[in-house]
């Protein structure tokens, strides 16, 4: 009788320890993956001179992706059926797709900010002019900041010198852009006054 009690007690602990060990392994691997990816993102950011405003959402997205995957694996180890998990994932994906199309203009600016930082059509300190077409005057200023939605220009026109202009990042990929490199170079000549401001 003592042996049967010991076998039952051992079987109960084995049934508890094996799933618990798997769950701890999943948590550890998720933590390790999050750390390694965070370090990789930091290295890429230093290499491409990415601003902190871009790193925060990128790290957050990676963290939530890893945590979500780990959570789903843990639920599967606890006995939640694969069909229920698949239904939840497809439902979430459908909602995310609807939200994606609803926020298309914001997401377009986020994607264009990534391209501006990585491809580098201009940098902070450069002077740029956004033209309606190659023969028409446009908005001109020195780039003072690039964030996830807007690029901020300091106006260099005579009548508005020093004013700040916020241009959506996607606009730089839809219009013609003139660029003068560096803050140390000469400023481009000021724009002529518009007919409304002439006396």
C-alpha atoms as a PDB file:
ATOM      1  CA  UNK A   1       0.000   0.000   0.000  1.00  0.00           C
ATOM      2  CA  UNK A   2       2.845   2.352   0.782  1.00  0.00           C
ATOM      3  CA  UNK A   3       4.303   1.735  -2.664  1.00  0.00           C
ATOM      4  CA  UNK A   4       1.047   2.502  -4.440  1.00  0.00           C
ATOM      5  CA  UNK A   5       0.699   5.764  -2.466  1.00  0.00           C
ATOM      6  CA  UNK A   6       4.277   6.725  -3.410  1.00  0.00           C
ATOM      7  CA  UNK A   7       3.643   5.919  -7.062  1.00  0.00           C
ATOM      8  CA  UNK A   8       0.471   8.028  -7.098  1.00  0.00           C
ATOM      9  CA  UNK A   9       2.256  10.916  -5.359  1.00  0.00           C
ATOM     10  CA  UNK A  10       5.179  10.684  -7.819  1.00  0.00           C
ATOM     11  CA  UNK A  11       2.826  10.526 -10.811  1.00  0.00           C
ATOM     12  CA  UNK A  12       0.993  13.646  -9.589  1.00  0.00           C
ATOM     13  CA  UNK A  13       4.253  15.573  -9.243  1.00  0.00           C
ATOM     14  CA  UNK A  14       5.522  14.387 -12.630  1.00  0.00           C
ATOM     15  CA  UNK A  15       2.230  15.467 -14.232  1.00  0.00           C
ATOM     16  CA  UNK A  16       2.710  18.887 -12.617  1.00  0.00           C
ATOM     17  CA  UNK A  17       6.470  19.303 -13.169  1.00  0.00           C
ATOM     18  CA  UNK A  18       6.667  18.425 -16.872  1.00  0.00           C
ATOM     19  CA  UNK A  19       4.131  21.050 -18.085  1.00  0.00           C
ATOM     20  CA  UNK A  20       5.534  23.530 -15.535  1.00  0.00           C
ATOM     21  CA  UNK A  21       9.054  22.966 -16.840  1.00  0.00           C
ATOM     22  CA  UNK A  22       7.888  23.479 -20.416  1.00  0.00           C
ATOM     23  CA  UNK A  23       6.135  26.713 -19.458  1.00  0.00           C
ATOM     24  CA  UNK A  24       9.268  27.973 -17.672  1.00  0.00           C
ATOM     25  CA  UNK A  25      11.321  27.073 -20.746  1.00  0.00           C
ATOM     26  CA  UNK A  26       8.937  29.048 -22.994  1.00  0.00           C
ATOM     27  CA  UNK A  27       9.116  32.070 -20.661  1.00  0.00           C
ATOM     28  CA  UNK A  28      12.918  31.896 -20.560  1.00  0.00           C
ATOM     29  CA  UNK A  29      13.211  31.602 -24.359  1.00  0.00           C
ATOM     30  CA  UNK A  30      10.791  34.518 -24.841  1.00  0.00           C
ATOM     31  CA  UNK A  31      12.835  36.663 -22.419  1.00  0.00           C
ATOM     32  CA  UNK A  32      16.067  35.677 -24.186  1.00  0.00           C
ATOM     33  CA  UNK A  33      14.631  36.407 -27.652  1.00  0.00           C
ATOM     34  CA  UNK A  34      13.358  39.796 -26.472  1.00  0.00           C
ATOM     35  CA  UNK A  35      16.789  40.711 -25.065  1.00  0.00           C
ATOM     36  CA  UNK A  36      18.659  39.612 -28.196  1.00  0.00           C
ATOM     37  CA  UNK A  37      16.279  41.412 -30.559  1.00  0.00           C
ATOM     38  CA  UNK A  38      16.412  44.568 -28.426  1.00  0.00           C
ATOM     39  CA  UNK A  39      20.216  44.571 -28.613  1.00  0.00           C
ATOM     40  CA  UNK A  40      20.065  43.980 -32.387  1.00  0.00           C
ATOM     41  CA  UNK A  41      17.647  46.911 -32.808  1.00  0.00           C
ATOM     42  CA  UNK A  42      19.961  49.130 -30.719  1.00  0.00           C
ATOM     43  CA  UNK A  43      22.937  48.204 -32.937  1.00  0.00           C
ATOM     44  CA  UNK A  44      20.966  48.917 -36.122  1.00  0.00           C
ATOM     45  CA  UNK A  45      19.749  52.228 -34.659  1.00  0.00           C
ATOM     46  CA  UNK A  46      23.307  53.303 -33.860  1.00  0.00           C
ATOM     47  CA  UNK A  47      24.492  52.319 -37.327  1.00  0.00           C
ATOM     48  CA  UNK A  48      21.731  54.230 -39.165  1.00  0.00           C
ATOM     49  CA  UNK A  49      21.483  57.110 -36.628  1.00  0.00           C
ATOM     50  CA  UNK A  50      17.813  56.446 -35.908  1.00  0.00           C
ATOM     51  CA  UNK A  51      16.111  58.858 -33.460  1.00  0.00           C
ATOM     52  CA  UNK A  52      14.797  57.591 -30.094  1.00  0.00           C
ATOM     53  CA  UNK A  53      11.226  58.427 -31.165  1.00  0.00           C
ATOM     54  CA  UNK A  54      11.485  55.633 -33.735  1.00  0.00           C
ATOM     55  CA  UNK A  55      13.122  53.081 -31.435  1.00  0.00           C
ATOM     56  CA  UNK A  56      10.393  53.127 -28.789  1.00  0.00           C
ATOM     57  CA  UNK A  57       7.519  51.866 -31.011  1.00  0.00           C
ATOM     58  CA  UNK A  58       9.811  49.367 -32.771  1.00  0.00           C
ATOM     59  CA  UNK A  59      10.937  47.833 -29.472  1.00  0.00           C
ATOM     60  CA  UNK A  60       7.351  47.828 -28.223  1.00  0.00           C
ATOM     61  CA  UNK A  61       6.100  45.999 -31.328  1.00  0.00           C
ATOM     62  CA  UNK A  62       8.821  43.352 -31.004  1.00  0.00           C
ATOM     63  CA  UNK A  63       8.128  42.902 -27.293  1.00  0.00           C
ATOM     64  CA  UNK A  64       4.383  42.420 -27.834  1.00  0.00           C
ATOM     65  CA  UNK A  65       4.963  40.024 -30.720  1.00  0.00           C
ATOM     66  CA  UNK A  66       7.245  37.848 -28.581  1.00  0.00           C
ATOM     67  CA  UNK A  67       4.949  38.022 -25.529  1.00  0.00           C
ATOM     68  CA  UNK A  68       1.901  37.156 -27.649  1.00  0.00           C
ATOM     69  CA  UNK A  69       3.659  34.169 -29.206  1.00  0.00           C
ATOM     70  CA  UNK A  70       4.840  32.945 -25.791  1.00  0.00           C
ATOM     71  CA  UNK A  71       1.332  33.370 -24.356  1.00  0.00           C
ATOM     72  CA  UNK A  72      -0.182  31.287 -27.176  1.00  0.00           C
ATOM     73  CA  UNK A  73       2.420  28.542 -26.659  1.00  0.00           C
ATOM     74  CA  UNK A  74       1.720  28.502 -22.919  1.00  0.00           C
ATOM     75  CA  UNK A  75      -2.032  28.213 -23.539  1.00  0.00           C
ATOM     76  CA  UNK A  76      -1.381  25.292 -25.865  1.00  0.00           C
ATOM     77  CA  UNK A  77       0.714  23.572 -23.158  1.00  0.00           C
ATOM     78  CA  UNK A  78      -2.143  24.093 -20.669  1.00  0.00           C
ATOM     79  CA  UNK A  79      -4.536  22.217 -22.942  1.00  0.00           C
ATOM     80  CA  UNK A  80      -6.325  24.963 -24.870  1.00  0.00           C
ATOM     81  CA  UNK A  81      -7.283  23.450 -28.237  1.00  0.00           C
ATOM     82  CA  UNK A  82      -5.473  24.478 -31.415  1.00  0.00           C
ATOM     83  CA  UNK A  83      -8.849  25.236 -33.059  1.00  0.00           C
ATOM     84  CA  UNK A  84      -9.716  27.771 -30.366  1.00  0.00           C
ATOM     85  CA  UNK A  85      -6.287  29.380 -30.715  1.00  0.00           C
ATOM     86  CA  UNK A  86      -6.586  29.514 -34.504  1.00  0.00           C
ATOM     87  CA  UNK A  87     -10.062  31.090 -34.265  1.00  0.00           C
ATOM     88  CA  UNK A  88      -8.742  33.737 -31.868  1.00  0.00           C
ATOM     89  CA  UNK A  89      -5.758  34.502 -34.104  1.00  0.00           C
ATOM     90  CA  UNK A  90      -7.839  34.836 -37.285  1.00  0.00           C
ATOM     91  CA  UNK A  91     -10.359  37.055 -35.471  1.00  0.00           C
ATOM     92  CA  UNK A  92      -7.585  39.268 -34.171  1.00  0.00           C
ATOM     93  CA  UNK A  93      -6.005  39.428 -37.636  1.00  0.00           C
ATOM     94  CA  UNK A  94      -9.301  40.511 -39.201  1.00  0.00           C
ATOM     95  CA  UNK A  95      -9.727  43.293 -36.629  1.00  0.00           C
ATOM     96  CA  UNK A  96      -6.098  44.365 -37.143  1.00  0.00           C
ATOM     97  CA  UNK A  97      -6.614  44.505 -40.929  1.00  0.00           C
ATOM     98  CA  UNK A  98      -9.677  46.742 -40.514  1.00  0.00           C
ATOM     99  CA  UNK A  99      -7.733  49.002 -38.142  1.00  0.00           C
ATOM    100  CA  UNK A 100      -4.833  49.064 -40.624  1.00  0.00           C
ATOM    101  CA  UNK A 101      -7.037  50.407 -43.424  1.00  0.00           C
ATOM    102  CA  UNK A 102      -8.721  52.873 -41.056  1.00  0.00           C
ATOM    103  CA  UNK A 103      -5.339  54.317 -40.023  1.00  0.00           C
ATOM    104  CA  UNK A 104      -3.711  54.141 -43.469  1.00  0.00           C
ATOM    105  CA  UNK A 105      -2.524  57.793 -43.545  1.00  0.00           C
ATOM    106  CA  UNK A 106      -0.853  57.496 -40.135  1.00  0.00           C
ATOM    107  CA  UNK A 107       0.769  54.173 -41.054  1.00  0.00           C
ATOM    108  CA  UNK A 108       1.934  55.645 -44.358  1.00  0.00           C
ATOM    109  CA  UNK A 109       3.738  58.421 -42.459  1.00  0.00           C
ATOM    110  CA  UNK A 110       5.292  55.850 -40.095  1.00  0.00           C
ATOM    111  CA  UNK A 111       6.580  53.798 -43.024  1.00  0.00           C
ATOM    112  CA  UNK A 112       7.907  56.911 -44.804  1.00  0.00           C
ATOM    113  CA  UNK A 113       9.692  57.970 -41.580  1.00  0.00           C
ATOM    114  CA  UNK A 114      11.441  54.594 -41.584  1.00  0.00           C
ATOM    115  CA  UNK A 115      12.502  55.145 -45.203  1.00  0.00           C
ATOM    116  CA  UNK A 116      13.733  58.695 -44.494  1.00  0.00           C
ATOM    117  CA  UNK A 117      15.875  57.468 -41.593  1.00  0.00           C
ATOM    118  CA  UNK A 118      17.288  54.377 -43.314  1.00  0.00           C
ATOM    119  CA  UNK A 119      17.614  55.535 -46.934  1.00  0.00           C
ATOM    120  CA  UNK A 120      18.568  59.109 -46.019  1.00  0.00           C
ATOM    121  CA  UNK A 121      17.153  61.335 -48.822  1.00  0.00           C
ATOM    122  CA  UNK A 122      17.971  64.173 -46.391  1.00  0.00           C
ATOM    123  CA  UNK A 123      19.326  64.540 -42.875  1.00  0.00           C
ATOM    124  CA  UNK A 124      18.847  66.908 -39.941  1.00  0.00           C
ATOM    125  CA  UNK A 125      20.655  70.136 -40.813  1.00  0.00           C
ATOM    126  CA  UNK A 126      20.018  69.905 -44.568  1.00  0.00           C
ATOM    127  CA  UNK A 127      17.897  72.530 -46.298  1.00  0.00           C
ATOM    128  CA  UNK A 128      15.072  71.121 -48.413  1.00  0.00           C
ATOM    129  CA  UNK A 129      12.344  72.528 -50.620  1.00  0.00           C
ATOM    130  CA  UNK A 130       9.143  70.599 -51.335  1.00  0.00           C
ATOM    131  CA  UNK A 131       7.853  71.556 -54.799  1.00  0.00           C
ATOM    132  CA  UNK A 132       4.466  71.092 -56.391  1.00  0.00           C
ATOM    133  CA  UNK A 133       6.362  70.569 -59.648  1.00  0.00           C
ATOM    134  CA  UNK A 134       9.910  71.245 -60.889  1.00  0.00           C
ATOM    135  CA  UNK A 135       9.029  74.746 -62.162  1.00  0.00           C
ATOM    136  CA  UNK A 136       6.922  76.006 -59.212  1.00  0.00           C
ATOM    137  CA  UNK A 137       8.158  77.341 -55.881  1.00  0.00           C
ATOM    138  CA  UNK A 138       7.303  75.364 -52.768  1.00  0.00           C
ATOM    139  CA  UNK A 139       7.866  75.093 -49.030  1.00  0.00           C
ATOM    140  CA  UNK A 140      11.523  75.569 -48.054  1.00  0.00           C
ATOM    141  CA  UNK A 141      13.316  75.175 -44.740  1.00  0.00           C
ATOM    142  CA  UNK A 142      16.172  73.675 -42.793  1.00  0.00           C
ATOM    143  CA  UNK A 143      15.427  70.212 -41.334  1.00  0.00           C
ATOM    144  CA  UNK A 144      15.490  70.475 -37.527  1.00  0.00           C
ATOM    145  CA  UNK A 145      13.671  67.261 -36.499  1.00  0.00           C
ATOM    146  CA  UNK A 146      12.351  64.012 -37.945  1.00  0.00           C
ATOM    147  CA  UNK A 147       9.797  62.020 -35.958  1.00  0.00           C
ATOM    148  CA  UNK A 148       7.428  59.186 -36.811  1.00  0.00           C
ATOM    149  CA  UNK A 149       4.718  61.404 -38.342  1.00  0.00           C
ATOM    150  CA  UNK A 150       6.262  64.742 -39.330  1.00  0.00           C
ATOM    151  CA  UNK A 151       9.492  66.301 -40.494  1.00  0.00           C
ATOM    152  CA  UNK A 152       9.957  69.737 -38.929  1.00  0.00           C
ATOM    153  CA  UNK A 153      11.542  72.479 -41.049  1.00  0.00           C
ATOM    154  CA  UNK A 154      12.723  75.889 -39.910  1.00  0.00           C
ATOM    155  CA  UNK A 155      11.417  78.350 -42.504  1.00  0.00           C
ATOM    156  CA  UNK A 156      14.196  80.224 -44.359  1.00  0.00           C
ATOM    157  CA  UNK A 157      12.017  82.621 -46.327  1.00  0.00           C
ATOM    158  CA  UNK A 158      12.505  86.321 -45.571  1.00  0.00           C
ATOM    159  CA  UNK A 159       8.964  87.040 -44.389  1.00  0.00           C
ATOM    160  CA  UNK A 160       8.637  83.939 -42.171  1.00  0.00           C
ATOM    161  CA  UNK A 161      12.240  83.306 -41.150  1.00  0.00           C
ATOM    162  CA  UNK A 162      12.467  81.144 -38.013  1.00  0.00           C
ATOM    163  CA  UNK A 163       8.899  79.789 -38.213  1.00  0.00           C
ATOM    164  CA  UNK A 164       8.559  76.010 -37.897  1.00  0.00           C
ATOM    165  CA  UNK A 165       6.813  73.971 -40.586  1.00  0.00           C
ATOM    166  CA  UNK A 166       5.584  70.431 -39.935  1.00  0.00           C
ATOM    167  CA  UNK A 167       5.353  68.387 -43.132  1.00  0.00           C
ATOM    168  CA  UNK A 168       3.880  64.853 -43.157  1.00  0.00           C
ATOM    169  CA  UNK A 169       6.625  62.356 -43.996  1.00  0.00           C
ATOM    170  CA  UNK A 170       4.640  60.797 -46.838  1.00  0.00           C
ATOM    171  CA  UNK A 171       4.666  64.137 -48.696  1.00  0.00           C
ATOM    172  CA  UNK A 172       8.418  63.799 -49.345  1.00  0.00           C
ATOM    173  CA  UNK A 173       7.704  60.704 -51.451  1.00  0.00           C
ATOM    174  CA  UNK A 174       4.831  62.306 -53.393  1.00  0.00           C
ATOM    175  CA  UNK A 175       6.450  65.611 -54.391  1.00  0.00           C
ATOM    176  CA  UNK A 176       9.652  66.840 -55.992  1.00  0.00           C
ATOM    177  CA  UNK A 177      12.234  67.686 -53.291  1.00  0.00           C
ATOM    178  CA  UNK A 178      15.266  69.952 -53.688  1.00  0.00           C
ATOM    179  CA  UNK A 179      18.079  69.435 -51.191  1.00  0.00           C
ATOM    180  CA  UNK A 180      21.042  71.518 -50.030  1.00  0.00           C
ATOM    181  CA  UNK A 181      23.414  69.445 -47.896  1.00  0.00           C
ATOM    182  CA  UNK A 182      24.586  70.333 -44.411  1.00  0.00           C
ATOM    183  CA  UNK A 183      24.051  73.133 -41.937  1.00  0.00           C
ATOM    184  CA  UNK A 184      27.432  74.701 -42.643  1.00  0.00           C
ATOM    185  CA  UNK A 185      26.799  75.321 -46.348  1.00  0.00           C
ATOM    186  CA  UNK A 186      25.280  78.548 -47.680  1.00  0.00           C
ATOM    187  CA  UNK A 187      21.542  78.942 -47.526  1.00  0.00           C
ATOM    188  CA  UNK A 188      19.716  78.896 -50.833  1.00  0.00           C
ATOM    189  CA  UNK A 189      18.570  82.324 -52.009  1.00  0.00           C
ATOM    190  CA  UNK A 190      15.328  83.468 -50.336  1.00  0.00           C
ATOM    191  CA  UNK A 191      12.077  82.972 -52.173  1.00  0.00           C
ATOM    192  CA  UNK A 192      10.737  86.087 -53.896  1.00  0.00           C
ATOM    193  CA  UNK A 193       7.712  87.682 -52.218  1.00  0.00           C
ATOM    194  CA  UNK A 194       4.329  86.502 -53.433  1.00  0.00           C
ATOM    195  CA  UNK A 195       2.099  88.990 -55.319  1.00  0.00           C
ATOM    196  CA  UNK A 196      -0.178  89.275 -52.241  1.00  0.00           C
ATOM    197  CA  UNK A 197       2.674  90.656 -50.085  1.00  0.00           C
ATOM    198  CA  UNK A 198       4.011  93.140 -52.659  1.00  0.00           C
ATOM    199  CA  UNK A 199       3.008  96.745 -52.074  1.00  0.00           C
END
